[in-house]
Amino acid sequence: MLMPTQKLLKLQNVGKATFKDLELLGISSIQQLAQADPDELFNRLGTLTKQAQNPCVWDVFAAIIHEAKTGEKTPWWKWSKVRPLKNKK
């Protein structure tokens, strides 16, 4: 049986770098990820690392949160189209 943190690595868009980001953010399970907000994770990661994050990091966060909530796997780049729209609301 996989440990909760190992299950994160099974998500479509979680590789080594994203897994390290999630660890830094204190996300250690699919359940925690499902409750997360991509804006909050993106902004907090920038604060914690003291570095501006590539906007594609938001796309990855959105994709993995969506998968954690619904089980639907989507490529992270599909969320690139959503990012500009969310700012128009």
N, C-alpha and C. Protein backbone atom coordinates (compact mmCIF):
# COMPACT_ATOMS: atom_id res chain seq x y z
N MET A 1 0.84 -1.19 0.00
CA MET A 1 0.00 0.00 0.00
C MET A 1 0.89 1.25 0.00
N LEU A 2 0.51 2.22 -0.82
CA LEU A 2 1.28 3.46 -0.92
C LEU A 2 0.98 4.38 0.26
N MET A 3 2.02 5.05 0.73
CA MET A 3 1.86 6.07 1.76
C MET A 3 1.17 7.27 1.10
N PRO A 4 0.47 8.11 1.89
CA PRO A 4 -0.23 9.26 1.30
C PRO A 4 0.67 10.15 0.43
N THR A 5 1.91 10.38 0.87
CA THR A 5 2.80 11.24 0.06
C THR A 5 3.15 10.57 -1.26
N GLN A 6 3.28 9.24 -1.26
CA GLN A 6 3.61 8.53 -2.49
C GLN A 6 2.45 8.59 -3.49
N LYS A 7 1.23 8.66 -2.97
CA LYS A 7 0.06 8.76 -3.84
C LYS A 7 0.09 10.05 -4.65
N LEU A 8 0.67 11.10 -4.08
CA LEU A 8 0.78 12.37 -4.81
C LEU A 8 1.60 12.18 -6.09
N LEU A 9 2.61 11.33 -6.03
CA LEU A 9 3.46 11.09 -7.19
C LEU A 9 2.73 10.34 -8.30
N LYS A 10 1.60 9.75 -7.99
CA LYS A 10 0.81 9.03 -8.99
C LYS A 10 -0.08 9.97 -9.80
N LEU A 11 -0.23 11.22 -9.34
CA LEU A 11 -1.02 12.18 -10.10
C LEU A 11 -0.30 12.50 -11.40
N GLN A 12 -1.08 12.71 -12.45
CA GLN A 12 -0.52 12.89 -13.80
C GLN A 12 0.55 13.98 -13.88
N ASN A 13 0.35 15.09 -13.23
CA ASN A 13 1.23 16.24 -13.40
C ASN A 13 2.19 16.47 -12.25
N VAL A 14 2.38 15.46 -11.41
CA VAL A 14 3.31 15.60 -10.29
C VAL A 14 4.60 14.84 -10.60
N GLY A 15 5.65 15.61 -10.82
CA GLY A 15 6.98 15.05 -10.98
C GLY A 15 7.80 15.44 -9.76
N LYS A 16 9.11 15.29 -9.87
CA LYS A 16 9.99 15.56 -8.73
C LYS A 16 9.90 17.01 -8.25
N ALA A 17 9.91 17.96 -9.18
CA ALA A 17 9.89 19.38 -8.79
C ALA A 17 8.57 19.75 -8.12
N THR A 18 7.47 19.33 -8.71
CA THR A 18 6.16 19.64 -8.12
C THR A 18 6.00 18.94 -6.78
N PHE A 19 6.49 17.72 -6.68
CA PHE A 19 6.42 17.00 -5.40
C PHE A 19 7.18 17.77 -4.33
N LYS A 20 8.35 18.29 -4.66
CA LYS A 20 9.13 19.08 -3.69
C LYS A 20 8.38 20.35 -3.31
N ASP A 21 7.74 20.98 -4.29
CA ASP A 21 6.93 22.18 -3.99
C ASP A 21 5.81 21.83 -3.03
N LEU A 22 5.13 20.72 -3.27
CA LEU A 22 4.04 20.31 -2.38
C LEU A 22 4.55 20.04 -0.97
N GLU A 23 5.71 19.40 -0.87
CA GLU A 23 6.31 19.15 0.45
C GLU A 23 6.58 20.47 1.15
N LEU A 24 7.17 21.43 0.44
CA LEU A 24 7.46 22.74 1.01
C LEU A 24 6.19 23.43 1.48
N LEU A 25 5.11 23.22 0.74
CA LEU A 25 3.81 23.83 1.08
C LEU A 25 3.05 23.06 2.16
N GLY A 26 3.58 21.92 2.59
CA GLY A 26 2.93 21.14 3.64
C GLY A 26 1.80 20.26 3.14
N ILE A 27 1.74 20.03 1.84
CA ILE A 27 0.71 19.15 1.26
C ILE A 27 1.29 17.74 1.22
N SER A 28 0.66 16.82 1.95
CA SER A 28 1.21 15.46 2.03
C SER A 28 0.19 14.38 1.67
N SER A 29 -0.99 14.79 1.21
CA SER A 29 -1.99 13.78 0.84
C SER A 29 -2.91 14.32 -0.25
N ILE A 30 -3.54 13.39 -0.94
CA ILE A 30 -4.53 13.74 -1.96
C ILE A 30 -5.67 14.54 -1.32
N GLN A 31 -6.07 14.15 -0.13
CA GLN A 31 -7.18 14.83 0.56
C GLN A 31 -6.83 16.29 0.85
N GLN A 32 -5.60 16.53 1.30
CA GLN A 32 -5.17 17.92 1.54
C GLN A 32 -5.17 18.70 0.23
N LEU A 33 -4.66 18.09 -0.80
CA LEU A 33 -4.58 18.75 -2.10
C LEU A 33 -5.97 19.09 -2.62
N ALA A 34 -6.93 18.20 -2.42
CA ALA A 34 -8.30 18.43 -2.90
C ALA A 34 -8.94 19.64 -2.23
N GLN A 35 -8.46 20.00 -1.05
CA GLN A 35 -9.00 21.16 -0.33
C GLN A 35 -8.25 22.45 -0.64
N ALA A 36 -7.18 22.34 -1.43
CA ALA A 36 -6.31 23.49 -1.69
C ALA A 36 -6.86 24.38 -2.81
N ASP A 37 -6.31 25.56 -2.87
CA ASP A 37 -6.67 26.55 -3.90
C ASP A 37 -5.40 26.87 -4.70
N PRO A 38 -5.44 26.80 -6.03
CA PRO A 38 -4.23 27.04 -6.80
C PRO A 38 -3.65 28.44 -6.61
N ASP A 39 -4.49 29.44 -6.44
CA ASP A 39 -3.99 30.80 -6.21
C ASP A 39 -3.21 30.86 -4.90
N GLU A 40 -3.78 30.27 -3.87
CA GLU A 40 -3.14 30.32 -2.55
C GLU A 40 -1.82 29.57 -2.58
N LEU A 41 -1.80 28.37 -3.17
CA LEU A 41 -0.55 27.60 -3.25
C LEU A 41 0.51 28.36 -4.05
N PHE A 42 0.11 28.91 -5.18
CA PHE A 42 1.04 29.65 -6.04
C PHE A 42 1.65 30.84 -5.30
N ASN A 43 0.80 31.62 -4.65
CA ASN A 43 1.28 32.80 -3.93
C ASN A 43 2.15 32.42 -2.74
N ARG A 44 1.74 31.39 -2.01
CA ARG A 44 2.51 30.96 -0.84
C ARG A 44 3.87 30.38 -1.25
N LEU A 45 3.90 29.66 -2.36
CA LEU A 45 5.18 29.12 -2.84
C LEU A 45 6.15 30.25 -3.17
N GLY A 46 5.66 31.29 -3.81
CA GLY A 46 6.50 32.44 -4.10
C GLY A 46 7.03 33.09 -2.84
N THR A 47 6.18 33.19 -1.83
CA THR A 47 6.60 33.77 -0.55
C THR A 47 7.65 32.89 0.13
N LEU A 48 7.40 31.60 0.18
CA LEU A 48 8.31 30.68 0.85
C LEU A 48 9.68 30.61 0.17
N THR A 49 9.69 30.63 -1.15
CA THR A 49 10.95 30.51 -1.89
C THR A 49 11.61 31.87 -2.12
N LYS A 50 10.85 32.93 -1.87
CA LYS A 50 11.32 34.30 -2.14
C LYS A 50 11.72 34.47 -3.60
N GLN A 51 10.97 33.77 -4.46
CA GLN A 51 11.22 33.84 -5.91
C GLN A 51 9.88 33.95 -6.63
N ALA A 52 9.88 34.72 -7.70
CA ALA A 52 8.70 34.77 -8.57
C ALA A 52 8.57 33.40 -9.22
N GLN A 53 7.35 32.89 -9.27
CA GLN A 53 7.09 31.59 -9.86
C GLN A 53 6.63 31.75 -11.31
N ASN A 54 7.00 30.82 -12.14
CA ASN A 54 6.53 30.79 -13.52
C ASN A 54 5.01 30.59 -13.48
N PRO A 55 4.25 31.33 -14.27
CA PRO A 55 2.80 31.15 -14.28
C PRO A 55 2.35 29.72 -14.56
N CYS A 56 3.17 28.94 -15.23
CA CYS A 56 2.82 27.54 -15.50
C CYS A 56 2.72 26.72 -14.22
N VAL A 57 3.37 27.18 -13.15
CA VAL A 57 3.25 26.50 -11.86
C VAL A 57 1.79 26.56 -11.41
N TRP A 58 1.13 27.69 -11.63
CA TRP A 58 -0.29 27.79 -11.28
C TRP A 58 -1.09 26.76 -12.07
N ASP A 59 -0.76 26.61 -13.35
CA ASP A 59 -1.46 25.65 -14.21
C ASP A 59 -1.32 24.23 -13.66
N VAL A 60 -0.11 23.88 -13.23
CA VAL A 60 0.12 22.55 -12.66
C VAL A 60 -0.70 22.39 -11.38
N PHE A 61 -0.68 23.41 -10.52
CA PHE A 61 -1.46 23.33 -9.28
C PHE A 61 -2.95 23.15 -9.60
N ALA A 62 -3.46 23.90 -10.55
CA ALA A 62 -4.88 23.78 -10.91
C ALA A 62 -5.18 22.37 -11.42
N ALA A 63 -4.31 21.82 -12.25
CA ALA A 63 -4.53 20.49 -12.81
C ALA A 63 -4.51 19.41 -11.73
N ILE A 64 -3.55 19.49 -10.82
CA ILE A 64 -3.46 18.43 -9.80
C ILE A 64 -4.56 18.56 -8.75
N ILE A 65 -4.98 19.78 -8.45
CA ILE A 65 -6.11 19.96 -7.53
C ILE A 65 -7.38 19.41 -8.18
N HIS A 66 -7.57 19.69 -9.46
CA HIS A 66 -8.73 19.16 -10.18
C HIS A 66 -8.73 17.63 -10.14
N GLU A 67 -7.58 17.03 -10.39
CA GLU A 67 -7.49 15.56 -10.36
C GLU A 67 -7.75 15.03 -8.95
N ALA A 68 -7.22 15.72 -7.94
CA ALA A 68 -7.45 15.28 -6.56
C ALA A 68 -8.93 15.34 -6.19
N LYS A 69 -9.64 16.34 -6.71
CA LYS A 69 -11.06 16.50 -6.40
C LYS A 69 -11.95 15.55 -7.20
N THR A 70 -11.61 15.35 -8.47
CA THR A 70 -12.54 14.65 -9.37
C THR A 70 -12.03 13.31 -9.89
N GLY A 71 -10.72 13.09 -9.82
CA GLY A 71 -10.13 11.89 -10.41
C GLY A 71 -9.85 12.04 -11.90
N GLU A 72 -10.28 13.16 -12.48
CA GLU A 72 -10.06 13.39 -13.91
C GLU A 72 -8.66 13.93 -14.15
N LYS A 73 -7.92 13.23 -15.00
CA LYS A 73 -6.56 13.65 -15.35
C LYS A 73 -6.63 14.60 -16.54
N THR A 74 -5.98 15.76 -16.40
CA THR A 74 -5.91 16.71 -17.49
C THR A 74 -4.46 17.19 -17.62
N PRO A 75 -3.99 17.42 -18.83
CA PRO A 75 -2.64 17.96 -18.98
C PRO A 75 -2.59 19.37 -18.38
N TRP A 76 -1.49 19.70 -17.75
CA TRP A 76 -1.41 21.00 -17.08
C TRP A 76 -1.62 22.15 -18.04
N TRP A 77 -1.19 22.00 -19.29
CA TRP A 77 -1.27 23.13 -20.23
C TRP A 77 -2.71 23.47 -20.60
N LYS A 78 -3.63 22.59 -20.38
CA LYS A 78 -5.04 22.94 -20.63
C LYS A 78 -5.51 24.01 -19.66
N TRP A 79 -4.86 24.10 -18.51
CA TRP A 79 -5.23 25.10 -17.50
C TRP A 79 -4.65 26.47 -17.83
N SER A 80 -3.73 26.52 -18.79
CA SER A 80 -3.17 27.81 -19.20
C SER A 80 -4.25 28.71 -19.80
N LYS A 81 -5.28 28.09 -20.39
CA LYS A 81 -6.39 28.85 -20.97
C LYS A 81 -7.32 29.38 -19.88
N VAL A 82 -7.36 28.69 -18.75
CA VAL A 82 -8.24 29.08 -17.65
C VAL A 82 -7.66 30.26 -16.86
N ARG A 83 -6.34 30.26 -16.72
CA ARG A 83 -5.67 31.27 -15.88
C ARG A 83 -6.04 32.69 -16.23
N PRO A 84 -5.98 33.12 -17.51
CA PRO A 84 -6.35 34.51 -17.80
C PRO A 84 -7.82 34.80 -17.57
N LEU A 85 -8.67 33.81 -17.74
CA LEU A 85 -10.11 34.01 -17.57
C LEU A 85 -10.48 34.23 -16.12
N LYS A 86 -9.79 33.57 -15.21
CA LYS A 86 -10.12 33.70 -13.79
C LYS A 86 -9.86 35.12 -13.28
N ASN A 87 -8.93 35.81 -13.92
CA ASN A 87 -8.61 37.18 -13.50
C ASN A 87 -9.61 38.21 -14.01
N LYS A 88 -10.49 37.80 -14.94
CA LYS A 88 -11.48 38.71 -15.51
C LYS A 88 -12.77 38.75 -14.71
N LYS A 89 -12.89 37.84 -13.75
CA LYS A 89 -14.14 37.77 -12.96
C LYS A 89 -14.27 38.92 -11.99
